[in-house]
């Protein structure tokens, strides 16, 4: 019951964000998604949004203790990166919503399971809250009541919006994908913008 309630909450949040994005697109205005940030990458280097100028970005928020959605999405992003034309300048970013546990070392180890171009980003709680706000990402720490598997994912989980953003070379929002969108459809959409 607890899990069903959380799934409904996440669905409602995604619906609100998606409808807001469509509203802004219809008005032919710049969609207010994204912006400046200062974080630390999974190699321990201070990183800002300016480090990615002149590159398209695929931006996904998640956490390393996530049991299924985050690793599945990162696998999908890895497939996209493998299948994209090598001349496309696109960088995938994985920004944690759990900076307390997702340290530089944890992100570095976790990302060895995925495409090598994926850059993990972490920071202080304040820095992560700031970037989440700019990307309209909801997340909330929840205590794990139900143990669905024998795998230990920590003392708590994090409910979070599961959206993949495509940003242009200036850091402006272009479109977004649900985590269930297959790699072929993502590539098709990316190719419409490049």
Foldseek 3Di string as FASTA:
>chain_A
DVVVVLVVVLVVLLVVVVVLQVVCVVVVHFRQAWDWAWWAKLVGHIDIPVVQAPAKEWEWEEALLDDPLVVLLQQQVLVLVVPADPPHRYAYEYEYQCQVPDDSPNVNVSCVVHHPRYIYTHHDNVRSVVNCVSRVKDKDKAADDDDPDPDDSDRIHMRMHGKIFIADSHRTTDDIDGSPDGSVVVNVVVVVVD
